[in-house]
Every structure is written in structure tokens, then in C-alpha cells.
Amino acid sequence: MLTVIGLFMLKISLDILAPRQWALQQALSDAHMTYERAYAERLPFDSLLANDSPWPAFPNTASSAVEIGRLPGGTPVTGTIHRTRLPDAENHPVDGGNGDETNNPAAMKVWKVQSVLTYQIGGRSYAKSRTVIRSQ
């Protein structure tokens, strides 16, 4: 009788831990996307537009495997980050847009910098994205 009660209590405790594990992994992925946003905002504009930029011009993308964090016990949570940047339609043609002196008299350069994180939890795939608008 004590064995049955012990197994029942073990099963209940494991059922309670599963949602916490999922919530912890969600918190890790949110934290990583906060880093991506901060990185996109602090990168100098010249580095953002350079040929070796971490965010290549669309349709090109840069993908790399990342460790989002570690779960209790040291289990790593990994994913893949995909980065790209898109010019605003009002940019001048030299800056990737279709604008001219009429609709962009200050020759503003505006770029949409996008990061997408893909990862798996329990056999299901998830994606999170962050977009930052940069202008000069």
C-alpha cells in the first residue's frame, strides 16, 4: 500500500514539474530575444550596413546555433537565430529603397532589423522574433 502511494505521489510531482520546465524555457528564450534587441539597437550604423554585418540585407539571412541558457542540472537549451535587415521603401535607391527628394528630402536611411529565434521544447517547434527600426 505504501509503494502505491509513493508511486502516486511521484507521478503527481512529475506532472507538476512539467509546466514549470516549459515556463522556464520560455523565460530563457524571452531573455535571449531581449539580448538580440539590445544588440540590434547598440550596433553602430556603419557596422549594421557593412558587408560583414551580423544582419545581412534581405533576402540573405545569417543563421547560427545559440545556447539560450541552461536548465537546473546544467541541461543546455539551444536554438537557432536567423537575422536579416530590410530597407524602408522611402529610402533613396542607393540605400535600397524607391524614395526621392520629394518623399525623403532629408535622405534618411531607415532599416528594419529582424531576429528570429527557433527552438524546440518537448518535440514541438517554436519561433520568437524581435524587430528593431534603425534610422540615420
N, C-alpha and C. Protein backbone atom coordinates (compact mmCIF):
# COMPACT_ATOMS: atom_id res chain seq x y z
N MET A 1 0.82 -1.19 0.00
CA MET A 1 0.00 0.00 0.00
C MET A 1 0.87 1.27 0.00
N LEU A 2 1.95 1.26 0.79
CA LEU A 2 2.85 2.41 0.83
C LEU A 2 3.57 2.60 -0.51
N THR A 3 3.88 1.52 -1.19
CA THR A 3 4.53 1.61 -2.51
C THR A 3 3.60 2.28 -3.51
N VAL A 4 2.35 1.91 -3.52
CA VAL A 4 1.37 2.50 -4.44
C VAL A 4 1.22 3.98 -4.14
N ILE A 5 1.13 4.35 -2.88
CA ILE A 5 1.01 5.76 -2.51
C ILE A 5 2.28 6.52 -2.90
N GLY A 6 3.45 5.91 -2.70
CA GLY A 6 4.71 6.54 -3.08
C GLY A 6 4.80 6.77 -4.57
N LEU A 7 4.41 5.79 -5.38
CA LEU A 7 4.43 5.95 -6.84
C LEU A 7 3.42 7.01 -7.29
N PHE A 8 2.26 7.03 -6.66
CA PHE A 8 1.25 8.04 -6.98
C PHE A 8 1.78 9.45 -6.69
N MET A 9 2.44 9.63 -5.55
CA MET A 9 2.99 10.93 -5.19
C MET A 9 4.12 11.33 -6.15
N LEU A 10 4.92 10.38 -6.58
CA LEU A 10 5.99 10.66 -7.55
C LEU A 10 5.39 11.13 -8.87
N LYS A 11 4.35 10.45 -9.34
CA LYS A 11 3.71 10.83 -10.59
C LYS A 11 3.11 12.23 -10.50
N ILE A 12 2.49 12.55 -9.39
CA ILE A 12 1.91 13.89 -9.21
C ILE A 12 3.01 14.95 -9.21
N SER A 13 4.13 14.68 -8.55
CA SER A 13 5.20 15.67 -8.51
C SER A 13 5.81 15.88 -9.89
N LEU A 14 5.93 14.84 -10.69
CA LEU A 14 6.45 14.98 -12.05
C LEU A 14 5.48 15.75 -12.93
N ASP A 15 4.18 15.54 -12.76
CA ASP A 15 3.18 16.27 -13.52
C ASP A 15 3.20 17.75 -13.18
N ILE A 16 3.52 18.08 -11.96
CA ILE A 16 3.59 19.48 -11.55
C ILE A 16 4.83 20.14 -12.11
N LEU A 17 5.94 19.41 -12.24
CA LEU A 17 7.20 19.99 -12.72
C LEU A 17 7.19 20.26 -14.22
N ALA A 18 6.44 19.52 -15.02
CA ALA A 18 6.45 19.68 -16.48
C ALA A 18 6.08 21.09 -16.91
N PRO A 19 4.97 21.70 -16.42
CA PRO A 19 4.67 23.08 -16.83
C PRO A 19 5.72 24.08 -16.38
N ARG A 20 6.33 23.84 -15.23
CA ARG A 20 7.37 24.75 -14.75
C ARG A 20 8.58 24.70 -15.68
N GLN A 21 8.90 23.51 -16.16
CA GLN A 21 10.02 23.35 -17.10
C GLN A 21 9.74 24.15 -18.37
N TRP A 22 8.52 24.05 -18.88
CA TRP A 22 8.15 24.78 -20.10
C TRP A 22 8.22 26.28 -19.85
N ALA A 23 7.71 26.74 -18.71
CA ALA A 23 7.73 28.17 -18.39
C ALA A 23 9.17 28.67 -18.25
N LEU A 24 10.04 27.86 -17.68
CA LEU A 24 11.44 28.24 -17.54
C LEU A 24 12.10 28.38 -18.91
N GLN A 25 11.81 27.47 -19.82
CA GLN A 25 12.38 27.56 -21.17
C GLN A 25 11.84 28.77 -21.92
N GLN A 26 10.58 29.12 -21.69
CA GLN A 26 10.03 30.32 -22.31
C GLN A 26 10.74 31.57 -21.77
N ALA A 27 11.01 31.59 -20.48
CA ALA A 27 11.72 32.73 -19.89
C ALA A 27 13.13 32.84 -20.45
N LEU A 28 13.79 31.72 -20.67
CA LEU A 28 15.13 31.74 -21.26
C LEU A 28 15.10 32.30 -22.68
N SER A 29 14.13 31.87 -23.48
CA SER A 29 14.05 32.36 -24.86
C SER A 29 13.69 33.84 -24.89
N ASP A 30 12.82 34.30 -24.00
CA ASP A 30 12.50 35.73 -23.92
C ASP A 30 13.73 36.55 -23.55
N ALA A 31 14.51 36.04 -22.61
CA ALA A 31 15.74 36.73 -22.21
C ALA A 31 16.72 36.83 -23.37
N HIS A 32 16.85 35.76 -24.16
CA HIS A 32 17.76 35.80 -25.30
C HIS A 32 17.29 36.81 -26.34
N MET A 33 15.98 36.89 -26.55
CA MET A 33 15.46 37.84 -27.53
C MET A 33 15.64 39.28 -27.05
N THR A 34 15.65 39.49 -25.74
CA THR A 34 15.95 40.82 -25.20
C THR A 34 17.39 41.19 -25.52
N TYR A 35 18.30 40.21 -25.42
CA TYR A 35 19.69 40.44 -25.81
C TYR A 35 19.78 40.80 -27.29
N GLU A 36 19.06 40.06 -28.14
CA GLU A 36 19.09 40.34 -29.59
C GLU A 36 18.63 41.77 -29.89
N ARG A 37 17.57 42.19 -29.21
CA ARG A 37 17.06 43.54 -29.42
C ARG A 37 18.09 44.58 -29.00
N ALA A 38 18.71 44.38 -27.83
CA ALA A 38 19.72 45.32 -27.35
C ALA A 38 20.92 45.35 -28.30
N TYR A 39 21.32 44.21 -28.81
CA TYR A 39 22.44 44.14 -29.75
C TYR A 39 22.11 44.90 -31.03
N ALA A 40 20.90 44.75 -31.53
CA ALA A 40 20.49 45.46 -32.75
C ALA A 40 20.43 46.97 -32.53
N GLU A 41 20.08 47.38 -31.33
CA GLU A 41 19.98 48.82 -31.05
C GLU A 41 21.33 49.48 -30.81
N ARG A 42 22.30 48.74 -30.27
CA ARG A 42 23.59 49.36 -29.94
C ARG A 42 24.64 49.23 -31.04
N LEU A 43 24.41 48.37 -32.01
CA LEU A 43 25.38 48.20 -33.09
C LEU A 43 25.52 49.50 -33.88
N PRO A 44 26.74 50.00 -34.07
CA PRO A 44 26.90 51.23 -34.85
C PRO A 44 26.30 51.08 -36.25
N PHE A 45 25.73 52.17 -36.76
CA PHE A 45 25.04 52.12 -38.04
C PHE A 45 25.97 51.67 -39.17
N ASP A 46 27.22 52.11 -39.13
CA ASP A 46 28.18 51.69 -40.17
C ASP A 46 28.40 50.18 -40.14
N SER A 47 28.47 49.60 -38.95
CA SER A 47 28.63 48.14 -38.83
C SER A 47 27.38 47.40 -39.28
N LEU A 48 26.22 48.01 -39.02
CA LEU A 48 24.95 47.39 -39.44
C LEU A 48 24.86 47.29 -40.96
N LEU A 49 25.37 48.29 -41.67
CA LEU A 49 25.27 48.32 -43.13
C LEU A 49 26.49 47.74 -43.83
N ALA A 50 27.49 47.30 -43.08
CA ALA A 50 28.72 46.76 -43.68
C ALA A 50 28.45 45.41 -44.35
N ASN A 51 29.36 45.01 -45.23
CA ASN A 51 29.22 43.73 -45.93
C ASN A 51 29.27 42.54 -44.98
N ASP A 52 30.00 42.67 -43.87
CA ASP A 52 30.10 41.58 -42.90
C ASP A 52 29.18 41.80 -41.70
N SER A 53 28.08 42.49 -41.91
CA SER A 53 27.12 42.80 -40.85
C SER A 53 26.52 41.53 -40.26
N PRO A 54 26.22 41.53 -38.95
CA PRO A 54 25.51 40.39 -38.37
C PRO A 54 24.10 40.24 -38.95
N TRP A 55 23.55 41.33 -39.51
CA TRP A 55 22.24 41.31 -40.16
C TRP A 55 22.43 41.61 -41.65
N PRO A 56 22.57 40.58 -42.48
CA PRO A 56 22.74 40.83 -43.91
C PRO A 56 21.45 41.37 -44.53
N ALA A 57 21.60 42.04 -45.66
CA ALA A 57 20.44 42.62 -46.35
C ALA A 57 19.55 41.52 -46.91
N PHE A 58 18.24 41.69 -46.74
CA PHE A 58 17.26 40.75 -47.25
C PHE A 58 17.40 40.64 -48.75
N PRO A 59 17.34 39.50 -49.37
CA PRO A 59 16.81 38.21 -48.93
C PRO A 59 17.83 37.31 -48.24
N ASN A 60 19.05 37.78 -48.09
CA ASN A 60 20.06 36.97 -47.38
C ASN A 60 19.75 36.94 -45.89
N THR A 61 20.11 35.85 -45.25
CA THR A 61 19.97 35.73 -43.80
C THR A 61 21.25 35.13 -43.23
N ALA A 62 21.50 35.45 -41.98
CA ALA A 62 22.61 34.85 -41.26
C ALA A 62 22.01 33.97 -40.17
N SER A 63 22.38 32.71 -40.15
CA SER A 63 21.86 31.77 -39.16
C SER A 63 23.01 31.21 -38.34
N SER A 64 22.77 31.08 -37.05
CA SER A 64 23.79 30.47 -36.19
C SER A 64 23.11 29.79 -35.01
N ALA A 65 23.74 28.71 -34.57
CA ALA A 65 23.24 27.99 -33.40
C ALA A 65 23.64 28.77 -32.15
N VAL A 66 22.71 28.87 -31.21
CA VAL A 66 22.98 29.59 -29.97
C VAL A 66 22.52 28.76 -28.77
N GLU A 67 23.20 28.95 -27.67
CA GLU A 67 22.75 28.36 -26.41
C GLU A 67 21.95 29.43 -25.70
N ILE A 68 20.66 29.20 -25.56
CA ILE A 68 19.77 30.18 -24.95
C ILE A 68 20.05 30.28 -23.46
N GLY A 69 20.36 29.17 -22.84
CA GLY A 69 20.62 29.14 -21.41
C GLY A 69 20.74 27.71 -20.94
N ARG A 70 20.70 27.53 -19.63
CA ARG A 70 20.79 26.19 -19.05
C ARG A 70 19.69 26.02 -18.01
N LEU A 71 19.12 24.83 -18.03
CA LEU A 71 18.10 24.48 -17.05
C LEU A 71 18.77 24.02 -15.77
N PRO A 72 18.03 23.96 -14.67
CA PRO A 72 18.61 23.41 -13.45
C PRO A 72 19.17 22.00 -13.72
N GLY A 73 20.34 21.75 -13.25
CA GLY A 73 21.02 20.49 -13.52
C GLY A 73 22.01 20.61 -14.65
N GLY A 74 22.07 21.79 -15.30
CA GLY A 74 23.05 22.02 -16.35
C GLY A 74 22.63 21.62 -17.74
N THR A 75 21.36 21.26 -17.95
CA THR A 75 20.90 20.87 -19.28
C THR A 75 20.83 22.11 -20.17
N PRO A 76 21.58 22.13 -21.30
CA PRO A 76 21.54 23.31 -22.16
C PRO A 76 20.25 23.38 -22.98
N VAL A 77 19.78 24.59 -23.20
CA VAL A 77 18.65 24.84 -24.09
C VAL A 77 19.23 25.56 -25.30
N THR A 78 19.10 24.96 -26.47
CA THR A 78 19.70 25.53 -27.68
C THR A 78 18.63 25.90 -28.69
N GLY A 79 19.01 26.75 -29.61
CA GLY A 79 18.12 27.17 -30.69
C GLY A 79 18.96 27.69 -31.84
N THR A 80 18.29 28.23 -32.82
CA THR A 80 18.96 28.82 -33.98
C THR A 80 18.43 30.23 -34.15
N ILE A 81 19.35 31.18 -34.31
CA ILE A 81 18.96 32.57 -34.53
C ILE A 81 19.15 32.89 -36.01
N HIS A 82 18.15 33.52 -36.61
CA HIS A 82 18.19 33.93 -38.01
C HIS A 82 18.07 35.45 -38.03
N ARG A 83 18.97 36.11 -38.74
CA ARG A 83 18.98 37.58 -38.77
C ARG A 83 18.94 38.08 -40.20
N THR A 84 18.23 39.19 -40.39
CA THR A 84 18.21 39.88 -41.68
C THR A 84 17.80 41.32 -41.45
N ARG A 85 18.01 42.17 -42.44
CA ARG A 85 17.56 43.56 -42.39
C ARG A 85 16.90 43.93 -43.70
N LEU A 86 15.89 44.79 -43.61
CA LEU A 86 15.14 45.22 -44.79
C LEU A 86 15.15 46.74 -44.87
N PRO A 87 15.37 47.30 -46.06
CA PRO A 87 15.35 48.76 -46.19
C PRO A 87 13.91 49.26 -46.22
N ASP A 88 13.71 50.50 -45.78
CA ASP A 88 12.40 51.13 -45.89
C ASP A 88 12.16 51.51 -47.34
N ALA A 89 10.92 51.45 -47.77
CA ALA A 89 10.59 51.76 -49.16
C ALA A 89 10.89 53.21 -49.52
N GLU A 90 10.91 54.10 -48.53
CA GLU A 90 11.16 55.53 -48.78
C GLU A 90 12.65 55.89 -48.81
N ASN A 91 13.54 54.92 -48.53
CA ASN A 91 14.97 55.19 -48.65
C ASN A 91 15.29 55.55 -50.10
N HIS A 92 16.36 56.31 -50.28
CA HIS A 92 16.81 56.58 -51.64
C HIS A 92 17.30 55.28 -52.27
N PRO A 93 17.32 55.20 -53.60
CA PRO A 93 17.75 53.95 -54.27
C PRO A 93 19.13 53.46 -53.84
N VAL A 94 20.05 54.35 -53.55
CA VAL A 94 21.37 53.94 -53.13
C VAL A 94 21.33 53.23 -51.77
N ASP A 95 20.27 53.49 -51.01
CA ASP A 95 20.09 52.87 -49.69
C ASP A 95 19.04 51.76 -49.71
N GLY A 96 18.72 51.26 -50.89
CA GLY A 96 17.84 50.10 -51.01
C GLY A 96 16.36 50.40 -51.14
N GLY A 97 15.97 51.65 -51.28
CA GLY A 97 14.55 51.98 -51.39
C GLY A 97 14.18 52.56 -52.75
N ASN A 98 12.98 53.14 -52.81
CA ASN A 98 12.49 53.76 -54.05
C ASN A 98 12.20 55.24 -53.85
N GLY A 99 12.67 55.82 -52.76
CA GLY A 99 12.38 57.22 -52.44
C GLY A 99 13.14 58.19 -53.31
N ASP A 100 12.71 59.45 -53.24
CA ASP A 100 13.37 60.53 -53.97
C ASP A 100 13.36 61.79 -53.10
N GLU A 101 13.77 62.90 -53.65
CA GLU A 101 13.84 64.15 -52.90
C GLU A 101 12.47 64.63 -52.42
N THR A 102 11.41 64.22 -53.11
CA THR A 102 10.07 64.66 -52.73
C THR A 102 9.59 63.97 -51.46
N ASN A 103 9.70 62.65 -51.39
CA ASN A 103 9.18 61.93 -50.22
C ASN A 103 10.23 61.65 -49.15
N ASN A 104 11.50 61.93 -49.41
CA ASN A 104 12.55 61.76 -48.41
C ASN A 104 13.60 62.86 -48.61
N PRO A 105 13.22 64.12 -48.35
CA PRO A 105 14.14 65.23 -48.63
C PRO A 105 15.39 65.23 -47.74
N ALA A 106 15.33 64.63 -46.56
CA ALA A 106 16.49 64.59 -45.66
C ALA A 106 17.41 63.41 -45.94
N ALA A 107 17.06 62.58 -46.93
CA ALA A 107 17.84 61.38 -47.28
C ALA A 107 18.04 60.47 -46.07
N MET A 108 16.98 60.30 -45.30
CA MET A 108 17.02 59.41 -44.13
C MET A 108 17.23 57.97 -44.58
N LYS A 109 18.04 57.26 -43.80
CA LYS A 109 18.25 55.82 -44.01
C LYS A 109 17.50 55.10 -42.90
N VAL A 110 16.50 54.32 -43.26
CA VAL A 110 15.70 53.60 -42.28
C VAL A 110 15.76 52.12 -42.61
N TRP A 111 16.10 51.31 -41.60
CA TRP A 111 16.23 49.87 -41.80
C TRP A 111 15.43 49.13 -40.74
N LYS A 112 14.77 48.06 -41.14
CA LYS A 112 14.09 47.15 -40.22
C LYS A 112 15.04 45.99 -39.97
N VAL A 113 15.48 45.85 -38.72
CA VAL A 113 16.45 44.83 -38.34
C VAL A 113 15.67 43.73 -37.61
N GLN A 114 15.71 42.51 -38.16
CA GLN A 114 14.87 41.44 -37.63
C GLN A 114 15.70 40.24 -37.19
N SER A 115 15.35 39.71 -36.00
CA SER A 115 15.96 38.49 -35.48
C SER A 115 14.84 37.49 -35.17
N VAL A 116 15.02 36.25 -35.60
CA VAL A 116 14.04 35.19 -35.34
C VAL A 116 14.78 34.04 -34.67
N LEU A 117 14.28 33.64 -33.50
CA LEU A 117 14.85 32.51 -32.76
C LEU A 117 13.92 31.32 -32.93
N THR A 118 14.47 30.19 -33.38
CA THR A 118 13.70 28.95 -33.47
C THR A 118 14.30 27.94 -32.49
N TYR A 119 13.44 27.22 -31.80
CA TYR A 119 13.90 26.24 -30.82
C TYR A 119 12.81 25.20 -30.63
N GLN A 120 13.16 24.12 -29.93
CA GLN A 120 12.21 23.04 -29.69
C GLN A 120 12.09 22.76 -28.19
N ILE A 121 10.85 22.50 -27.79
CA ILE A 121 10.57 22.07 -26.42
C ILE A 121 9.64 20.87 -26.52
N GLY A 122 10.07 19.76 -26.00
CA GLY A 122 9.23 18.57 -25.99
C GLY A 122 8.78 18.12 -27.36
N GLY A 123 9.63 18.24 -28.36
CA GLY A 123 9.29 17.79 -29.70
C GLY A 123 8.47 18.78 -30.51
N ARG A 124 8.10 19.92 -29.94
CA ARG A 124 7.35 20.95 -30.67
C ARG A 124 8.29 22.09 -31.01
N SER A 125 8.12 22.64 -32.20
CA SER A 125 8.96 23.75 -32.64
C SER A 125 8.29 25.08 -32.31
N TYR A 126 9.12 26.04 -31.90
CA TYR A 126 8.65 27.38 -31.56
C TYR A 126 9.53 28.40 -32.25
N ALA A 127 8.98 29.60 -32.44
CA ALA A 127 9.74 30.70 -33.02
C ALA A 127 9.35 31.99 -32.31
N LYS A 128 10.33 32.82 -32.05
CA LYS A 128 10.10 34.14 -31.48
C LYS A 128 10.89 35.13 -32.32
N SER A 129 10.32 36.31 -32.50
CA SER A 129 11.01 37.30 -33.31
C SER A 129 11.01 38.65 -32.62
N ARG A 130 12.00 39.44 -32.94
CA ARG A 130 12.10 40.82 -32.49
C ARG A 130 12.52 41.65 -33.69
N THR A 131 11.88 42.79 -33.84
CA THR A 131 12.19 43.71 -34.93
C THR A 131 12.52 45.07 -34.34
N VAL A 132 13.61 45.65 -34.82
CA VAL A 132 14.05 46.96 -34.38
C VAL A 132 14.13 47.86 -35.62
N ILE A 133 13.61 49.07 -35.50
CA ILE A 133 13.70 50.04 -36.59
C ILE A 133 14.88 50.96 -36.28
N ARG A 134 15.84 50.99 -37.18
CA ARG A 134 17.03 51.84 -37.05
C ARG A 134 16.98 52.92 -38.12
N SER A 135 17.37 54.13 -37.76
CA SER A 135 17.38 55.22 -38.74
C SER A 135 18.60 56.10 -38.52
N GLN A 136 18.99 56.73 -39.59
CA GLN A 136 20.13 57.66 -39.54
C GLN A 136 19.85 58.80 -40.47
